[in-house]
Amino acid sequence: MSGIVTLIAGLLFGFGLALSSMTHPQVVLGFLDVTGAWDPSLVLVLAGAVGVTLTGFYALRGLKKPLLADAFSVASSTKIDRPLIAGSILFGIGWGIGGYCPGPAIALLAAPNQELWIILPALLVGYALHEYLIGRRSK
């Protein structure tokens, strides 16, 4: 059952990204271009997402456990360390250069363009490289 709910949530998320034009890199790059033709529409999408999330958290605040799981999944680490900062910088650089973050890039599979066939393999290589380096570091 949780797999079906996850699929529905992912489809809803992808539809929202497409509806708000967040799968178009020119919209994202326009937001990041604060010294040029700045496009504030991403702020409106973010505000809508935060509003929906806060409403959901408020409505579900009294639950002892999630509806479809045994316990809530909460991050065990709250420290800001070098890997977090380095990953954030690399994520920002990739987003700024390509105009895609992973969510919109994957959502673009529904209506692919030629950029997707460059961005998606790059995301997968980056993920594999991360797993390789983290695996070596933890040994």
N, C-alpha and C. Protein backbone atom coordinates (compact mmCIF):
# COMPACT_ATOMS: atom_id res chain seq x y z
N MET A 1 0.82 -1.20 0.00
CA MET A 1 0.00 0.00 0.00
C MET A 1 0.86 1.26 0.00
N SER A 2 1.96 1.24 0.80
CA SER A 2 2.80 2.45 0.87
C SER A 2 3.47 2.72 -0.48
N GLY A 3 3.74 1.67 -1.26
CA GLY A 3 4.31 1.87 -2.60
C GLY A 3 3.37 2.63 -3.51
N ILE A 4 2.09 2.33 -3.42
CA ILE A 4 1.09 3.02 -4.24
C ILE A 4 0.99 4.48 -3.81
N VAL A 5 1.00 4.72 -2.50
CA VAL A 5 0.94 6.09 -1.99
C VAL A 5 2.19 6.86 -2.41
N THR A 6 3.35 6.21 -2.37
CA THR A 6 4.59 6.84 -2.80
C THR A 6 4.53 7.20 -4.28
N LEU A 7 4.02 6.29 -5.10
CA LEU A 7 3.87 6.55 -6.53
C LEU A 7 2.93 7.74 -6.77
N ILE A 8 1.82 7.77 -6.09
CA ILE A 8 0.86 8.87 -6.24
C ILE A 8 1.50 10.19 -5.82
N ALA A 9 2.23 10.18 -4.70
CA ALA A 9 2.89 11.40 -4.23
C ALA A 9 3.94 11.87 -5.24
N GLY A 10 4.70 10.93 -5.80
CA GLY A 10 5.71 11.28 -6.80
C GLY A 10 5.09 11.84 -8.06
N LEU A 11 4.00 11.24 -8.51
CA LEU A 11 3.29 11.75 -9.69
C LEU A 11 2.73 13.15 -9.43
N LEU A 12 2.18 13.35 -8.24
CA LEU A 12 1.66 14.68 -7.88
C LEU A 12 2.78 15.71 -7.84
N PHE A 13 3.92 15.33 -7.27
CA PHE A 13 5.08 16.22 -7.21
C PHE A 13 5.56 16.56 -8.62
N GLY A 14 5.70 15.55 -9.46
CA GLY A 14 6.14 15.78 -10.84
C GLY A 14 5.15 16.64 -11.61
N PHE A 15 3.85 16.41 -11.42
CA PHE A 15 2.84 17.22 -12.08
C PHE A 15 2.95 18.68 -11.63
N GLY A 16 3.16 18.86 -10.33
CA GLY A 16 3.31 20.23 -9.80
C GLY A 16 4.54 20.93 -10.38
N LEU A 17 5.63 20.19 -10.52
CA LEU A 17 6.83 20.77 -11.13
C LEU A 17 6.57 21.18 -12.57
N ALA A 18 5.90 20.31 -13.31
CA ALA A 18 5.60 20.62 -14.72
C ALA A 18 4.61 21.78 -14.82
N LEU A 19 3.57 21.76 -14.00
CA LEU A 19 2.56 22.81 -14.03
C LEU A 19 3.15 24.19 -13.73
N SER A 20 4.10 24.23 -12.81
CA SER A 20 4.72 25.50 -12.41
C SER A 20 5.93 25.86 -13.27
N SER A 21 6.17 25.09 -14.33
CA SER A 21 7.28 25.32 -15.27
C SER A 21 8.66 25.12 -14.65
N MET A 22 8.74 24.40 -13.54
CA MET A 22 10.03 24.16 -12.91
C MET A 22 10.84 23.11 -13.65
N THR A 23 10.27 22.46 -14.66
CA THR A 23 11.05 21.54 -15.49
C THR A 23 11.69 22.28 -16.66
N HIS A 24 11.51 23.59 -16.70
CA HIS A 24 12.14 24.42 -17.74
C HIS A 24 13.33 25.14 -17.11
N PRO A 25 14.55 24.83 -17.55
CA PRO A 25 15.72 25.42 -16.92
C PRO A 25 15.76 26.94 -17.03
N GLN A 26 15.18 27.52 -18.07
CA GLN A 26 15.23 28.97 -18.21
C GLN A 26 14.48 29.66 -17.06
N VAL A 27 13.45 29.00 -16.49
CA VAL A 27 12.74 29.57 -15.34
C VAL A 27 13.65 29.57 -14.12
N VAL A 28 14.31 28.44 -13.88
CA VAL A 28 15.20 28.32 -12.73
C VAL A 28 16.40 29.25 -12.88
N LEU A 29 17.01 29.25 -14.07
CA LEU A 29 18.16 30.13 -14.30
C LEU A 29 17.75 31.60 -14.22
N GLY A 30 16.53 31.92 -14.64
CA GLY A 30 16.02 33.28 -14.50
C GLY A 30 15.90 33.69 -13.04
N PHE A 31 15.55 32.75 -12.18
CA PHE A 31 15.49 33.04 -10.75
C PHE A 31 16.87 33.26 -10.17
N LEU A 32 17.84 32.48 -10.64
CA LEU A 32 19.21 32.60 -10.13
C LEU A 32 19.94 33.83 -10.66
N ASP A 33 19.43 34.43 -11.73
CA ASP A 33 20.07 35.60 -12.35
C ASP A 33 19.56 36.88 -11.68
N VAL A 34 20.05 37.14 -10.47
CA VAL A 34 19.56 38.29 -9.70
C VAL A 34 20.08 39.62 -10.23
N THR A 35 21.10 39.61 -11.05
CA THR A 35 21.62 40.87 -11.59
C THR A 35 21.12 41.16 -12.99
N GLY A 36 20.36 40.24 -13.57
CA GLY A 36 19.86 40.42 -14.93
C GLY A 36 18.34 40.45 -14.94
N ALA A 37 17.77 39.64 -15.81
CA ALA A 37 16.31 39.57 -15.94
C ALA A 37 15.77 38.57 -14.91
N TRP A 38 15.71 39.02 -13.66
CA TRP A 38 15.32 38.14 -12.56
C TRP A 38 13.87 37.72 -12.69
N ASP A 39 13.61 36.40 -12.51
CA ASP A 39 12.27 35.83 -12.58
C ASP A 39 11.90 35.32 -11.19
N PRO A 40 11.00 36.01 -10.46
CA PRO A 40 10.68 35.62 -9.09
C PRO A 40 9.67 34.48 -8.97
N SER A 41 9.27 33.86 -10.06
CA SER A 41 8.21 32.86 -10.00
C SER A 41 8.58 31.66 -9.12
N LEU A 42 9.86 31.34 -9.02
CA LEU A 42 10.28 30.23 -8.16
C LEU A 42 9.96 30.51 -6.70
N VAL A 43 10.01 31.76 -6.29
CA VAL A 43 9.67 32.13 -4.91
C VAL A 43 8.20 31.81 -4.65
N LEU A 44 7.33 32.06 -5.63
CA LEU A 44 5.91 31.78 -5.48
C LEU A 44 5.66 30.27 -5.37
N VAL A 45 6.39 29.50 -6.17
CA VAL A 45 6.27 28.04 -6.09
C VAL A 45 6.74 27.56 -4.72
N LEU A 46 7.84 28.10 -4.24
CA LEU A 46 8.36 27.74 -2.93
C LEU A 46 7.37 28.12 -1.82
N ALA A 47 6.81 29.30 -1.92
CA ALA A 47 5.84 29.75 -0.91
C ALA A 47 4.62 28.82 -0.89
N GLY A 48 4.14 28.42 -2.07
CA GLY A 48 3.02 27.49 -2.14
C GLY A 48 3.37 26.15 -1.52
N ALA A 49 4.57 25.65 -1.80
CA ALA A 49 5.01 24.36 -1.25
C ALA A 49 5.14 24.43 0.27
N VAL A 50 5.69 25.51 0.77
CA VAL A 50 5.84 25.67 2.22
C VAL A 50 4.46 25.76 2.87
N GLY A 51 3.54 26.48 2.23
CA GLY A 51 2.18 26.59 2.77
C GLY A 51 1.48 25.25 2.86
N VAL A 52 1.59 24.45 1.82
CA VAL A 52 0.97 23.11 1.83
C VAL A 52 1.64 22.23 2.89
N THR A 53 2.97 22.29 2.98
CA THR A 53 3.69 21.47 3.96
C THR A 53 3.32 21.85 5.39
N LEU A 54 3.29 23.14 5.68
CA LEU A 54 2.93 23.58 7.04
C LEU A 54 1.50 23.19 7.39
N THR A 55 0.60 23.27 6.43
CA THR A 55 -0.77 22.85 6.66
C THR A 55 -0.83 21.36 6.97
N GLY A 56 -0.08 20.57 6.21
CA GLY A 56 -0.03 19.13 6.46
C GLY A 56 0.56 18.80 7.82
N PHE A 57 1.67 19.45 8.16
CA PHE A 57 2.28 19.22 9.48
C PHE A 57 1.32 19.60 10.60
N TYR A 58 0.61 20.70 10.44
CA TYR A 58 -0.33 21.15 11.46
C TYR A 58 -1.47 20.14 11.61
N ALA A 59 -1.98 19.66 10.49
CA ALA A 59 -3.10 18.71 10.52
C ALA A 59 -2.69 17.37 11.13
N LEU A 60 -1.45 16.97 10.96
CA LEU A 60 -0.99 15.66 11.42
C LEU A 60 -0.16 15.70 12.69
N ARG A 61 -0.08 16.85 13.34
CA ARG A 61 0.84 17.03 14.47
C ARG A 61 0.55 16.11 15.65
N GLY A 62 -0.65 15.64 15.81
CA GLY A 62 -0.99 14.81 16.96
C GLY A 62 -0.76 13.32 16.76
N LEU A 63 -0.35 12.92 15.57
CA LEU A 63 -0.16 11.49 15.31
C LEU A 63 1.04 10.94 16.09
N LYS A 64 0.87 9.75 16.62
CA LYS A 64 1.97 9.08 17.32
C LYS A 64 2.89 8.38 16.33
N LYS A 65 2.32 7.96 15.18
CA LYS A 65 3.11 7.31 14.14
C LYS A 65 2.47 7.62 12.79
N PRO A 66 3.24 7.50 11.70
CA PRO A 66 2.66 7.75 10.38
C PRO A 66 1.55 6.75 10.05
N LEU A 67 0.71 7.11 9.10
CA LEU A 67 -0.40 6.24 8.72
C LEU A 67 0.07 4.95 8.05
N LEU A 68 1.17 5.01 7.28
CA LEU A 68 1.62 3.85 6.50
C LEU A 68 3.01 3.37 6.89
N ALA A 69 3.45 3.66 8.10
CA ALA A 69 4.77 3.20 8.56
C ALA A 69 4.71 2.96 10.06
N ASP A 70 5.72 2.27 10.57
CA ASP A 70 5.75 1.98 12.00
C ASP A 70 6.24 3.15 12.84
N ALA A 71 7.06 4.02 12.21
CA ALA A 71 7.62 5.15 12.95
C ALA A 71 7.96 6.26 11.97
N PHE A 72 8.08 7.47 12.49
CA PHE A 72 8.52 8.59 11.68
C PHE A 72 10.01 8.44 11.38
N SER A 73 10.42 8.83 10.20
CA SER A 73 11.82 8.79 9.81
C SER A 73 12.42 10.18 10.01
N VAL A 74 13.30 10.28 10.98
CA VAL A 74 13.91 11.57 11.33
C VAL A 74 15.42 11.45 11.16
N ALA A 75 16.04 12.47 10.60
CA ALA A 75 17.49 12.46 10.41
C ALA A 75 18.19 12.28 11.76
N SER A 76 19.21 11.44 11.77
CA SER A 76 19.94 11.19 13.01
C SER A 76 21.03 12.22 13.25
N SER A 77 21.48 12.89 12.19
CA SER A 77 22.55 13.88 12.32
C SER A 77 22.00 15.28 12.07
N THR A 78 22.41 16.19 12.92
CA THR A 78 22.00 17.59 12.75
C THR A 78 23.21 18.52 12.61
N LYS A 79 24.41 17.92 12.51
CA LYS A 79 25.60 18.76 12.44
C LYS A 79 25.87 19.20 11.00
N ILE A 80 26.45 20.37 10.88
CA ILE A 80 26.88 20.89 9.59
C ILE A 80 28.37 20.62 9.48
N ASP A 81 28.74 19.70 8.56
CA ASP A 81 30.13 19.30 8.43
C ASP A 81 30.63 19.53 7.01
N ARG A 82 31.89 19.20 6.77
CA ARG A 82 32.49 19.41 5.45
C ARG A 82 31.76 18.70 4.31
N PRO A 83 31.40 17.40 4.47
CA PRO A 83 30.69 16.74 3.37
C PRO A 83 29.36 17.42 3.03
N LEU A 84 28.65 17.90 4.04
CA LEU A 84 27.39 18.60 3.78
C LEU A 84 27.63 19.90 3.01
N ILE A 85 28.62 20.66 3.44
CA ILE A 85 28.93 21.92 2.76
C ILE A 85 29.44 21.68 1.34
N ALA A 86 30.34 20.70 1.18
CA ALA A 86 30.87 20.40 -0.15
C ALA A 86 29.76 19.91 -1.08
N GLY A 87 28.88 19.05 -0.57
CA GLY A 87 27.76 18.56 -1.37
C GLY A 87 26.81 19.68 -1.76
N SER A 88 26.56 20.60 -0.84
CA SER A 88 25.69 21.73 -1.14
C SER A 88 26.28 22.62 -2.22
N ILE A 89 27.57 22.84 -2.14
CA ILE A 89 28.25 23.66 -3.15
C ILE A 89 28.20 22.98 -4.51
N LEU A 90 28.50 21.68 -4.55
CA LEU A 90 28.45 20.95 -5.82
C LEU A 90 27.04 20.92 -6.39
N PHE A 91 26.06 20.73 -5.54
CA PHE A 91 24.66 20.74 -5.98
C PHE A 91 24.32 22.09 -6.60
N GLY A 92 24.68 23.17 -5.93
CA GLY A 92 24.40 24.51 -6.43
C GLY A 92 25.11 24.81 -7.74
N ILE A 93 26.35 24.37 -7.86
CA ILE A 93 27.10 24.58 -9.10
C ILE A 93 26.42 23.83 -10.25
N GLY A 94 26.08 22.57 -10.01
CA GLY A 94 25.41 21.78 -11.04
C GLY A 94 24.06 22.36 -11.43
N TRP A 95 23.31 22.82 -10.44
CA TRP A 95 22.00 23.41 -10.70
C TRP A 95 22.15 24.70 -11.50
N GLY A 96 23.13 25.50 -11.11
CA GLY A 96 23.36 26.77 -11.81
C GLY A 96 23.84 26.58 -13.24
N ILE A 97 24.70 25.60 -13.46
CA ILE A 97 25.21 25.35 -14.82
C ILE A 97 24.14 24.72 -15.70
N GLY A 98 23.48 23.70 -15.17
CA GLY A 98 22.53 22.95 -15.99
C GLY A 98 21.11 23.47 -15.96
N GLY A 99 20.74 24.14 -14.88
CA GLY A 99 19.37 24.63 -14.76
C GLY A 99 18.41 23.57 -14.25
N TYR A 100 18.93 22.42 -13.87
CA TYR A 100 18.08 21.34 -13.36
C TYR A 100 18.58 20.89 -12.00
N CYS A 101 17.66 20.64 -11.10
CA CYS A 101 18.00 19.87 -9.91
C CYS A 101 17.38 18.49 -10.12
N PRO A 102 17.69 17.50 -9.30
CA PRO A 102 17.25 16.13 -9.59
C PRO A 102 15.74 15.95 -9.77
N GLY A 103 14.93 16.60 -8.96
CA GLY A 103 13.48 16.43 -9.07
C GLY A 103 12.94 16.78 -10.44
N PRO A 104 13.15 18.02 -10.91
CA PRO A 104 12.68 18.37 -12.24
C PRO A 104 13.33 17.56 -13.35
N ALA A 105 14.58 17.17 -13.18
CA ALA A 105 15.23 16.36 -14.22
C ALA A 105 14.54 15.02 -14.37
N ILE A 106 14.20 14.39 -13.26
CA ILE A 106 13.50 13.11 -13.32
C ILE A 106 12.07 13.30 -13.82
N ALA A 107 11.41 14.39 -13.39
CA ALA A 107 10.05 14.67 -13.87
C ALA A 107 10.04 14.90 -15.38
N LEU A 108 11.14 15.36 -15.91
CA LEU A 108 11.25 15.63 -17.35
C LEU A 108 11.20 14.34 -18.18
N LEU A 109 11.34 13.19 -17.54
CA LEU A 109 11.20 11.92 -18.25
C LEU A 109 9.82 11.79 -18.90
N ALA A 110 8.83 12.47 -18.33
CA ALA A 110 7.47 12.40 -18.89
C ALA A 110 7.38 13.14 -20.22
N ALA A 111 8.20 14.15 -20.42
CA ALA A 111 8.22 14.91 -21.68
C ALA A 111 9.66 15.28 -21.99
N PRO A 112 10.48 14.29 -22.36
CA PRO A 112 11.93 14.52 -22.47
C PRO A 112 12.31 15.48 -23.60
N ASN A 113 13.42 16.16 -23.37
CA ASN A 113 14.04 16.97 -24.41
C ASN A 113 15.49 16.52 -24.54
N GLN A 114 16.23 17.13 -25.45
CA GLN A 114 17.61 16.68 -25.68
C GLN A 114 18.51 16.95 -24.47
N GLU A 115 18.20 17.94 -23.66
CA GLU A 115 19.01 18.22 -22.48
C GLU A 115 18.93 17.10 -21.45
N LEU A 116 17.77 16.46 -21.37
CA LEU A 116 17.59 15.39 -20.38
C LEU A 116 18.62 14.29 -20.57
N TRP A 117 18.96 13.98 -21.81
CA TRP A 117 19.88 12.87 -22.09
C TRP A 117 21.32 13.21 -21.72
N ILE A 118 21.57 14.46 -21.35
CA ILE A 118 22.87 14.85 -20.81
C ILE A 118 22.79 14.97 -19.29
N ILE A 119 21.72 15.62 -18.81
CA ILE A 119 21.58 15.88 -17.37
C ILE A 119 21.38 14.58 -16.58
N LEU A 120 20.50 13.70 -17.03
CA LEU A 120 20.20 12.49 -16.27
C LEU A 120 21.41 11.57 -16.12
N PRO A 121 22.16 11.28 -17.20
CA PRO A 121 23.38 10.48 -16.99
C PRO A 121 24.39 11.17 -16.05
N ALA A 122 24.49 12.50 -16.14
CA ALA A 122 25.39 13.22 -15.24
C ALA A 122 24.95 13.05 -13.78
N LEU A 123 23.65 13.10 -13.53
CA LEU A 123 23.14 12.87 -12.17
C LEU A 123 23.50 11.46 -11.69
N LEU A 124 23.32 10.49 -12.57
CA LEU A 124 23.61 9.10 -12.19
C LEU A 124 25.10 8.87 -11.95
N VAL A 125 25.95 9.48 -12.77
CA VAL A 125 27.40 9.37 -12.57
C VAL A 125 27.79 10.04 -11.25
N GLY A 126 27.22 11.20 -10.98
CA GLY A 126 27.49 11.89 -9.72
C GLY A 126 27.08 11.06 -8.52
N TYR A 127 25.93 10.43 -8.62
CA TYR A 127 25.46 9.56 -7.54
C TYR A 127 26.41 8.37 -7.35
N ALA A 128 26.78 7.73 -8.45
CA ALA A 128 27.69 6.57 -8.38
C ALA A 128 29.05 6.99 -7.80
N LEU A 129 29.54 8.15 -8.22
CA LEU A 129 30.81 8.65 -7.69
C LEU A 129 30.72 8.91 -6.19
N HIS A 130 29.61 9.49 -5.77
CA HIS A 130 29.38 9.71 -4.34
C HIS A 130 29.41 8.39 -3.57
N GLU A 131 28.68 7.41 -4.07
CA GLU A 131 28.62 6.11 -3.40
C GLU A 131 30.01 5.47 -3.33
N TYR A 132 30.78 5.59 -4.40
CA TYR A 132 32.13 5.03 -4.44
C TYR A 132 33.03 5.73 -3.42
N LEU A 133 33.01 7.06 -3.41
CA LEU A 133 33.87 7.80 -2.49
C LEU A 133 33.45 7.61 -1.04
N ILE A 134 32.17 7.62 -0.77
CA ILE A 134 31.69 7.41 0.61
C ILE A 134 32.03 5.99 1.05
N GLY A 135 31.87 5.02 0.15
CA GLY A 135 32.23 3.63 0.48
C GLY A 135 33.69 3.48 0.82
N ARG A 136 34.56 4.18 0.09
CA ARG A 136 36.00 4.13 0.37
C ARG A 136 36.33 4.83 1.68
N ARG A 137 35.63 5.93 1.97
CA ARG A 137 35.90 6.69 3.18
C ARG A 137 35.48 5.93 4.44
N SER A 138 34.40 5.14 4.32
CA SER A 138 33.90 4.45 5.51
C SER A 138 34.63 3.15 5.81
N LYS A 139 35.55 2.74 4.93
CA LYS A 139 36.30 1.48 5.16
C LYS A 139 37.50 1.72 6.03
